[in-house]
Amino acid sequence: MLAVGELEEFDKAPVWLKDEPEILALLNAALDRYDAQPGESRRRDVSLNVARVLPSLARMDAAADQLWRFVQALEQMGVLRIRRGRHSPFDPDWTNAKVAFNASAEPRLRAWLGRPQVEPELARWRAAVSAHADAFPGGCDVLLARRIAIPGRAPEEVVQAFASISSVRGPLTLRQLSALAFWGDSKVLDDRAELIAALFPQLEIRTRAIVVAVYLPEQYDDVLFIENQDTYAEACAGRPEAARGMARVFAAGFRSAAGRIRTPDGALLHFAGADAPHLRDRFGAWWFGREAQDVRCWFWGDLDFAGMQILKALRMRFGDVQAWAPGYAPMLEALRSKGEGRQPDCVRLRGQVDPGETGCPYADEHLLPAIRAYGSLDQESLVDV
């Protein structure tokens, strides 16, 4: 090993540094700690336990003594301070010692190690938000505390996109606002309604209406909710026969059970089938609760836990909704007799949750027990029921 020798010039790395991997590791560990600090905390000292970062000291031999002299040399150069811990007269000087790096030494360490400072992402985000603080009428605290990353976009670009919303005049939906502000991407603001409300409290956001497809026959006393689009299309064509005299509704699974599905602003009814305004008016009056009618409601969907969850939710929105036996019975037979269903553990692997009970006797006494015993079956698997 090289002797420490005289102190090197202030702005140059010690000539021995490149040959001392543990000292290099010590200095890199200090810079790692600086990089991990939030921007406002970068003036704090970084303290490291020498026993953890300089494992050779544990040998307590001549090489350990030399390594410690290098640490002492760095202290004389003002790079670090040694904080000696308790130890007996017979213990080495470095026992229980720590080394502290002052923030003023950080630039020199970065020059020595060739590690330019990379501003932490949160600090960069907060700087960008602060630069546009005037664009947020509701204040920007919520945005300062919550960095939003968009792949391929720098923090400054994302903040600028949020700031551009200040010039928008509503009302419009979140999807429309997102596409307008975020480079045509309509989904950035999904699940961020509360954030937009906090930043722009005066901006009116319209609730996105759920489009409900309804097929009306000339006469009906029953309404059949159908979970999947292909099966709904088949039902509109009169397959199965048992659905011909029913009003058929498709609102894409769980959307048909959403809280706003029965409000004029929350749902948009699109009709097919009988071209009779009085039938459409009658259906709309029942759907939106303007007129009480003696209508029986049924549900037909996938034979799985998710389908049973939809049935349970529909009963909260439309009253005594029952599982539709003409549709489920052939599926139940296929599941039990032909072994066409997935195994029960596969249902759980798909992230579905057993609803326990739905309140519908047919579902609770026949369908759910079969799902638990045999697995699940998709509605589309039976084309001709």
Protein backbone atom coordinates (compact mmCIF):
# COMPACT_ATOMS: atom_id res chain seq x y z
CA MET A 1 0.00 0.00 0.00
CA LEU A 2 0.97 3.57 -0.53
CA ALA A 3 1.67 5.79 2.47
CA VAL A 4 -0.72 8.63 3.00
CA GLY A 5 2.00 11.22 2.52
CA GLU A 6 1.31 14.86 2.43
CA LEU A 7 -2.12 16.26 1.80
CA GLU A 8 -3.04 16.65 -1.87
CA GLU A 9 -4.23 19.88 -3.37
CA PHE A 10 -7.70 20.90 -2.26
CA ASP A 11 -9.51 20.32 -5.58
CA LYS A 12 -7.75 17.11 -6.63
CA ALA A 13 -8.51 13.57 -5.56
CA PRO A 14 -5.78 11.92 -3.46
CA VAL A 15 -3.41 9.95 -5.65
CA TRP A 16 -4.04 6.85 -3.53
CA LEU A 17 -7.84 7.00 -3.78
CA LYS A 18 -8.14 4.93 -6.97
CA ASP A 19 -6.27 2.08 -5.28
CA GLU A 20 -8.49 1.95 -2.19
CA PRO A 21 -11.83 0.27 -3.02
CA GLU A 22 -13.18 0.51 0.52
CA ILE A 23 -12.51 4.25 0.73
CA LEU A 24 -14.18 4.64 -2.68
CA ALA A 25 -17.12 2.65 -1.37
CA LEU A 26 -17.28 4.93 1.70
CA LEU A 27 -17.40 8.08 -0.43
CA ASN A 28 -19.96 6.59 -2.83
CA ALA A 29 -22.12 5.57 0.11
CA ALA A 30 -22.09 9.19 1.30
CA LEU A 31 -23.18 10.42 -2.15
CA ASP A 32 -25.91 7.76 -2.24
CA ARG A 33 -27.26 9.18 1.00
CA TYR A 34 -27.19 12.72 -0.43
CA ASP A 35 -29.05 11.55 -3.53
CA ALA A 36 -31.73 9.96 -1.35
CA GLN A 37 -32.38 13.17 0.61
CA PRO A 38 -35.28 15.47 -0.37
CA GLY A 39 -34.08 18.68 -1.90
CA GLU A 40 -34.89 20.78 1.17
CA SER A 41 -32.83 18.46 3.42
CA ARG A 42 -29.60 18.47 1.47
CA ARG A 43 -27.80 20.68 3.99
CA ARG A 44 -27.92 17.97 6.61
CA ASP A 45 -24.81 15.99 7.45
CA VAL A 46 -24.55 12.42 6.29
CA SER A 47 -23.33 10.08 9.00
CA LEU A 48 -22.01 6.56 8.40
CA ASN A 49 -20.85 3.80 10.74
CA VAL A 50 -17.25 3.02 9.73
CA ALA A 51 -17.48 -0.62 10.79
CA ARG A 52 -20.26 -1.20 8.24
CA VAL A 53 -18.68 0.56 5.29
CA LEU A 54 -15.04 -0.33 5.99
CA PRO A 55 -15.14 -4.07 6.79
CA SER A 56 -11.34 -4.45 6.66
CA LEU A 57 -11.07 -2.53 9.94
CA ALA A 58 -12.37 -5.64 11.69
CA ARG A 59 -9.07 -7.41 10.94
CA MET A 60 -7.23 -5.07 13.34
CA ASP A 61 -3.93 -5.57 11.53
CA ALA A 62 -1.45 -3.35 9.72
CA ALA A 63 -3.76 -3.09 6.71
CA ALA A 64 -6.57 -1.89 8.98
CA ASP A 65 -4.26 0.72 10.51
CA GLN A 66 -3.36 1.96 7.02
CA LEU A 67 -7.02 2.13 6.02
CA TRP A 68 -7.78 4.21 9.09
CA ARG A 69 -4.94 6.59 8.27
CA PHE A 70 -6.60 7.25 4.91
CA VAL A 71 -9.83 8.13 6.77
CA GLN A 72 -7.84 10.49 9.00
CA ALA A 73 -6.30 12.07 5.91
CA LEU A 74 -9.75 12.76 4.53
CA GLU A 75 -10.64 14.44 7.82
CA GLN A 76 -7.56 16.68 7.56
CA MET A 77 -8.66 17.61 4.04
CA GLY A 78 -12.05 18.71 5.38
CA VAL A 79 -13.97 16.02 3.50
CA LEU A 80 -15.38 14.37 6.62
CA ARG A 81 -15.30 14.47 10.42
CA ILE A 82 -14.53 11.49 12.63
CA ARG A 83 -16.91 11.07 15.53
CA ARG A 84 -15.20 8.72 17.92
CA GLY A 85 -17.30 6.43 20.05
CA ARG A 86 -16.75 4.84 23.39
CA HIS A 87 -13.89 2.37 23.53
CA SER A 88 -11.35 1.09 26.03
CA PRO A 89 -7.65 2.08 25.96
CA PHE A 90 -6.93 -1.28 24.35
CA ASP A 91 -9.42 -0.89 21.49
CA PRO A 92 -8.44 0.56 18.09
CA ASP A 93 -9.22 4.24 17.50
CA TRP A 94 -12.03 3.39 15.09
CA THR A 95 -14.05 1.27 17.54
CA ASN A 96 -17.68 2.50 17.54
CA ALA A 97 -16.62 5.47 15.41
CA LYS A 98 -18.74 7.23 12.80
CA VAL A 99 -17.78 9.56 9.98
CA ALA A 100 -19.89 12.61 9.13
CA PHE A 101 -19.90 14.34 5.76
CA ASN A 102 -20.88 17.99 5.61
CA ALA A 103 -22.91 19.16 2.62
CA SER A 104 -20.07 21.54 1.71
CA ALA A 105 -17.94 18.51 0.83
CA GLU A 106 -20.50 17.08 -1.60
CA PRO A 107 -19.29 18.99 -4.71
CA ARG A 108 -15.71 17.86 -4.10
CA LEU A 109 -16.74 14.23 -3.69
CA ARG A 110 -18.75 14.37 -6.90
CA ALA A 111 -15.77 15.80 -8.77
CA TRP A 112 -13.46 13.11 -7.39
CA LEU A 113 -15.82 10.25 -8.21
CA GLY A 114 -17.22 11.62 -11.46
CA ARG A 115 -20.79 11.56 -10.12
CA PRO A 116 -22.72 14.69 -11.13
CA GLN A 117 -25.70 15.53 -8.97
CA VAL A 118 -29.00 14.13 -10.16
CA GLU A 119 -31.85 16.13 -8.69
CA PRO A 120 -34.29 13.82 -6.88
CA GLU A 121 -37.48 13.34 -8.86
CA LEU A 122 -39.72 14.63 -6.07
CA ALA A 123 -37.61 17.78 -5.69
CA ARG A 124 -37.71 18.31 -9.45
CA TRP A 125 -41.48 17.80 -9.42
CA ARG A 126 -41.98 20.29 -6.59
CA ALA A 127 -39.81 22.87 -8.31
CA ALA A 128 -41.92 22.55 -11.46
CA VAL A 129 -45.17 22.84 -9.48
CA SER A 130 -43.92 25.89 -7.60
CA ALA A 131 -43.00 27.56 -10.88
CA HIS A 132 -46.66 27.27 -11.98
CA ALA A 133 -48.27 27.92 -8.59
CA ASP A 134 -50.36 30.80 -9.96
CA ALA A 135 -52.12 28.43 -12.38
CA PHE A 136 -53.94 26.55 -9.61
CA PRO A 137 -56.85 28.56 -8.12
CA GLY A 138 -57.35 26.02 -5.34
CA GLY A 139 -53.68 26.08 -4.36
CA CYS A 140 -51.00 23.60 -5.28
CA ASP A 141 -50.32 21.87 -1.95
CA VAL A 142 -52.00 18.68 -3.04
CA LEU A 143 -49.86 18.59 -6.19
CA LEU A 144 -46.66 19.37 -4.29
CA ALA A 145 -47.21 16.31 -2.11
CA ARG A 146 -48.18 13.97 -4.95
CA ARG A 147 -45.82 13.41 -7.87
CA ILE A 148 -47.60 12.09 -10.96
CA ALA A 149 -45.38 10.21 -13.38
CA ILE A 150 -46.34 9.72 -17.01
CA PRO A 151 -44.06 7.45 -19.09
CA GLY A 152 -42.06 9.38 -21.64
CA ARG A 153 -42.87 12.78 -20.10
CA ALA A 154 -40.59 14.90 -17.91
CA PRO A 155 -41.97 16.29 -14.63
CA GLU A 156 -41.97 19.79 -16.12
CA GLU A 157 -44.14 18.61 -19.03
CA VAL A 158 -46.66 16.93 -16.73
CA VAL A 159 -46.94 19.99 -14.49
CA GLN A 160 -47.32 22.24 -17.53
CA ALA A 161 -50.19 20.01 -18.70
CA PHE A 162 -51.93 20.40 -15.34
CA ALA A 163 -51.31 24.15 -15.41
CA SER A 164 -52.89 24.42 -18.87
CA ILE A 165 -56.23 23.39 -17.35
CA SER A 166 -56.46 26.87 -15.82
CA SER A 167 -57.51 28.21 -19.22
CA VAL A 168 -60.23 25.60 -19.75
CA ARG A 169 -63.85 26.62 -19.42
CA GLY A 170 -66.27 23.80 -18.59
CA PRO A 171 -68.45 21.97 -18.30
CA LEU A 172 -66.77 18.87 -19.70
CA THR A 173 -66.06 15.31 -18.62
CA LEU A 174 -62.81 14.12 -17.08
CA ARG A 175 -62.06 12.12 -20.22
CA GLN A 176 -62.55 15.22 -22.37
CA LEU A 177 -60.41 17.33 -20.04
CA SER A 178 -57.67 14.70 -19.99
CA ALA A 179 -57.53 14.46 -23.79
CA LEU A 180 -57.46 18.25 -24.04
CA ALA A 181 -54.63 18.78 -21.54
CA PHE A 182 -52.54 15.60 -21.81
CA TRP A 183 -51.56 15.23 -25.46
CA GLY A 184 -54.76 13.50 -26.53
CA ASP A 185 -54.63 10.85 -23.79
CA SER A 186 -58.15 10.66 -22.37
CA LYS A 187 -57.32 8.32 -19.47
CA VAL A 188 -54.68 10.26 -17.48
CA LEU A 189 -57.30 11.77 -15.16
CA ASP A 190 -59.21 8.55 -14.53
CA ASP A 191 -59.61 8.21 -10.72
CA ARG A 192 -58.23 11.75 -10.26
CA ALA A 193 -61.49 13.67 -9.98
CA GLU A 194 -60.70 14.75 -6.41
CA LEU A 195 -57.29 16.09 -7.46
CA ILE A 196 -58.83 18.22 -10.23
CA ALA A 197 -61.52 19.47 -7.84
CA ALA A 198 -58.84 20.54 -5.35
CA LEU A 199 -56.70 22.31 -7.97
CA PHE A 200 -59.57 23.91 -9.94
CA PRO A 201 -62.60 24.18 -7.63
CA GLN A 202 -64.51 26.42 -10.06
CA LEU A 203 -64.19 24.05 -13.02
CA GLU A 204 -67.42 22.17 -13.66
CA ILE A 205 -66.79 18.50 -14.42
CA ARG A 206 -69.70 16.63 -15.97
CA THR A 207 -70.32 13.08 -14.85
CA ARG A 208 -69.71 10.74 -17.74
CA ALA A 209 -73.03 9.20 -18.70
CA ILE A 210 -73.28 5.41 -18.90
CA VAL A 211 -74.57 4.33 -22.31
CA VAL A 212 -77.26 1.69 -21.85
CA ALA A 213 -78.38 -0.37 -24.83
CA VAL A 214 -82.04 -1.46 -24.64
CA TYR A 215 -83.92 -3.74 -27.03
CA LEU A 216 -87.70 -3.36 -26.75
CA PRO A 217 -90.25 -5.84 -28.14
CA GLU A 218 -93.79 -4.73 -28.99
CA GLN A 219 -94.96 -5.85 -25.55
CA TYR A 220 -93.08 -6.80 -22.41
CA ASP A 221 -93.61 -7.32 -18.71
CA ASP A 222 -90.06 -8.51 -17.96
CA VAL A 223 -86.63 -6.86 -18.22
CA LEU A 224 -83.56 -9.06 -18.75
CA PHE A 225 -80.13 -7.64 -17.88
CA ILE A 226 -77.41 -9.36 -19.92
CA GLU A 227 -73.77 -9.13 -18.85
CA ASN A 228 -71.87 -9.67 -22.12
CA GLN A 229 -72.16 -7.95 -25.48
CA ASP A 230 -72.11 -11.04 -27.72
CA THR A 231 -74.90 -12.67 -25.72
CA TYR A 232 -76.90 -9.42 -25.78
CA ALA A 233 -76.57 -9.27 -29.57
CA GLU A 234 -77.76 -12.89 -29.83
CA ALA A 235 -80.71 -12.10 -27.55
CA CYS A 236 -81.68 -9.14 -29.73
CA ALA A 237 -81.82 -11.58 -32.65
CA GLY A 238 -84.22 -13.79 -30.71
CA ARG A 239 -81.79 -16.34 -29.31
CA PRO A 240 -82.69 -17.88 -26.94
CA GLU A 241 -86.40 -18.11 -27.70
CA ALA A 242 -87.31 -17.52 -24.04
CA ALA A 243 -85.96 -13.95 -24.22
CA ARG A 244 -88.13 -12.84 -27.17
CA GLY A 245 -90.92 -11.31 -25.11
CA MET A 246 -88.60 -9.47 -22.72
CA ALA A 247 -87.00 -6.05 -22.80
CA ARG A 248 -83.25 -6.76 -23.07
CA VAL A 249 -80.65 -4.50 -21.47
CA PHE A 250 -76.88 -4.37 -21.92
CA ALA A 251 -74.79 -1.98 -19.85
CA ALA A 252 -71.44 -3.83 -19.74
CA GLY A 253 -71.42 -5.79 -16.52
CA PHE A 254 -70.88 -3.77 -13.38
CA ARG A 255 -71.78 -0.49 -15.08
CA SER A 256 -75.43 -1.56 -15.01
CA ALA A 257 -75.21 -1.56 -11.21
CA ALA A 258 -73.54 1.84 -10.84
CA GLY A 259 -75.15 4.29 -8.44
CA ARG A 260 -75.97 6.83 -11.17
CA ILE A 261 -77.46 4.31 -13.61
CA ARG A 262 -81.04 5.39 -12.78
CA THR A 263 -80.51 9.15 -12.96
CA PRO A 264 -81.17 11.20 -16.12
CA ASP A 265 -77.69 12.74 -15.98
CA GLY A 266 -76.00 9.43 -15.24
CA ALA A 267 -77.44 7.19 -17.95
CA LEU A 268 -78.15 7.56 -21.65
CA LEU A 269 -80.66 5.03 -23.00
CA HIS A 270 -80.21 3.86 -26.59
CA PHE A 271 -83.10 1.89 -28.00
CA ALA A 272 -83.45 -0.81 -30.63
CA GLY A 273 -86.32 -3.08 -31.53
CA ALA A 274 -89.84 -1.70 -31.62
CA ASP A 275 -89.89 1.79 -33.11
CA ALA A 276 -92.67 3.03 -30.87
CA PRO A 277 -92.17 6.29 -28.95
CA HIS A 278 -94.75 5.34 -26.32
CA LEU A 279 -92.84 2.13 -25.51
CA ARG A 280 -89.59 4.05 -25.13
CA ASP A 281 -91.28 6.68 -22.99
CA ARG A 282 -92.79 3.99 -20.81
CA PHE A 283 -89.45 2.25 -20.35
CA GLY A 284 -87.65 5.53 -19.59
CA ALA A 285 -90.32 6.50 -17.04
CA TRP A 286 -89.78 3.19 -15.23
CA TRP A 287 -85.99 3.28 -15.52
CA PHE A 288 -85.63 6.78 -14.08
CA GLY A 289 -88.26 6.22 -11.39
CA ARG A 290 -90.83 8.65 -12.76
CA GLU A 291 -93.54 6.00 -12.89
CA ALA A 292 -94.11 2.85 -10.84
CA GLN A 293 -94.70 -0.19 -13.05
CA ASP A 294 -95.23 -3.89 -12.44
CA VAL A 295 -92.02 -5.04 -14.12
CA ARG A 296 -90.17 -8.24 -13.29
CA CYS A 297 -86.36 -8.01 -13.55
CA TRP A 298 -83.91 -10.80 -14.35
CA PHE A 299 -80.14 -11.12 -14.77
CA TRP A 300 -78.14 -13.43 -16.99
CA GLY A 301 -74.36 -13.33 -17.02
CA ASP A 302 -71.25 -15.41 -16.53
CA LEU A 303 -71.56 -18.34 -14.15
CA ASP A 304 -68.84 -17.09 -11.81
CA PHE A 305 -68.43 -15.06 -8.64
CA ALA A 306 -68.16 -11.78 -10.59
CA GLY A 307 -71.49 -12.47 -12.26
CA MET A 308 -73.09 -13.17 -8.90
CA GLN A 309 -71.64 -9.91 -7.57
CA ILE A 310 -73.35 -8.07 -10.44
CA LEU A 311 -76.64 -9.76 -9.58
CA LYS A 312 -76.23 -8.71 -5.95
CA ALA A 313 -75.51 -5.11 -6.96
CA LEU A 314 -78.40 -5.00 -9.43
CA ARG A 315 -80.78 -5.95 -6.64
CA MET A 316 -79.70 -2.78 -4.83
CA ARG A 317 -80.55 -0.62 -7.89
CA PHE A 318 -83.60 -2.36 -9.36
CA GLY A 319 -85.21 -4.25 -6.49
CA ASP A 320 -86.09 -7.95 -6.68
CA VAL A 321 -83.81 -8.95 -9.59
CA GLN A 322 -83.61 -12.75 -10.03
CA ALA A 323 -81.09 -14.96 -11.81
CA TRP A 324 -82.66 -16.00 -15.12
CA ALA A 325 -83.09 -19.76 -15.02
CA PRO A 326 -83.66 -20.31 -18.81
CA GLY A 327 -80.19 -18.90 -19.41
CA TYR A 328 -78.38 -20.33 -16.40
CA ALA A 329 -79.87 -23.84 -16.42
CA PRO A 330 -77.98 -25.01 -19.56
CA MET A 331 -74.79 -23.45 -18.22
CA LEU A 332 -75.30 -25.18 -14.89
CA GLU A 333 -75.80 -28.52 -16.64
CA ALA A 334 -72.65 -28.01 -18.72
CA LEU A 335 -70.66 -27.09 -15.63
CA ARG A 336 -71.81 -30.10 -13.66
CA SER A 337 -72.17 -32.84 -16.27
CA LYS A 338 -69.75 -32.04 -19.05
CA GLY A 339 -66.91 -30.73 -16.91
CA GLU A 340 -66.47 -27.64 -19.09
CA GLY A 341 -65.83 -25.26 -16.17
CA ARG A 342 -62.54 -24.16 -14.69
CA GLN A 343 -61.49 -25.51 -11.32
CA PRO A 344 -62.52 -23.48 -8.24
CA ASP A 345 -58.96 -22.34 -7.51
CA CYS A 346 -58.82 -20.86 -11.00
CA VAL A 347 -61.79 -18.65 -10.11
CA ARG A 348 -59.90 -17.32 -7.12
CA LEU A 349 -56.80 -16.79 -9.25
CA ARG A 350 -58.81 -14.43 -11.47
CA GLY A 351 -59.24 -12.14 -8.48
CA GLN A 352 -62.94 -12.83 -7.96
CA VAL A 353 -64.54 -12.74 -4.53
CA ASP A 354 -67.30 -15.05 -3.37
CA PRO A 355 -70.31 -12.79 -2.61
CA GLY A 356 -71.55 -15.17 0.08
CA GLU A 357 -75.17 -14.76 -0.91
CA THR A 358 -77.05 -12.55 -3.35
CA GLY A 359 -80.58 -12.64 -1.91
CA CYS A 360 -81.84 -14.51 -4.98
CA PRO A 361 -82.90 -18.06 -3.96
CA TYR A 362 -81.99 -19.66 -7.31
CA ALA A 363 -78.53 -18.10 -7.28
CA ASP A 364 -77.86 -18.82 -3.61
CA GLU A 365 -79.17 -22.40 -3.60
CA HIS A 366 -78.01 -23.61 -7.02
CA LEU A 367 -75.60 -21.34 -8.87
CA LEU A 368 -73.19 -20.33 -6.12
CA PRO A 369 -72.80 -23.88 -4.73
CA ALA A 370 -71.99 -25.11 -8.25
CA ILE A 371 -69.38 -22.39 -8.77
CA ARG A 372 -67.75 -23.28 -5.45
CA ALA A 373 -67.72 -26.97 -6.32
CA TYR A 374 -66.89 -27.01 -10.04
CA GLY A 375 -65.48 -23.65 -11.08
CA SER A 376 -66.91 -21.15 -13.55
CA LEU A 377 -68.30 -20.91 -17.05
CA ASP A 378 -68.46 -17.86 -19.32
CA GLN A 379 -71.80 -16.86 -20.78
CA GLU A 380 -70.48 -16.88 -24.35
CA SER A 381 -69.56 -20.58 -24.13
CA LEU A 382 -73.17 -21.55 -24.90
CA VAL A 383 -74.13 -20.10 -28.26
CA ASP A 384 -77.30 -22.11 -28.77
CA VAL A 385 -79.11 -22.41 -25.42
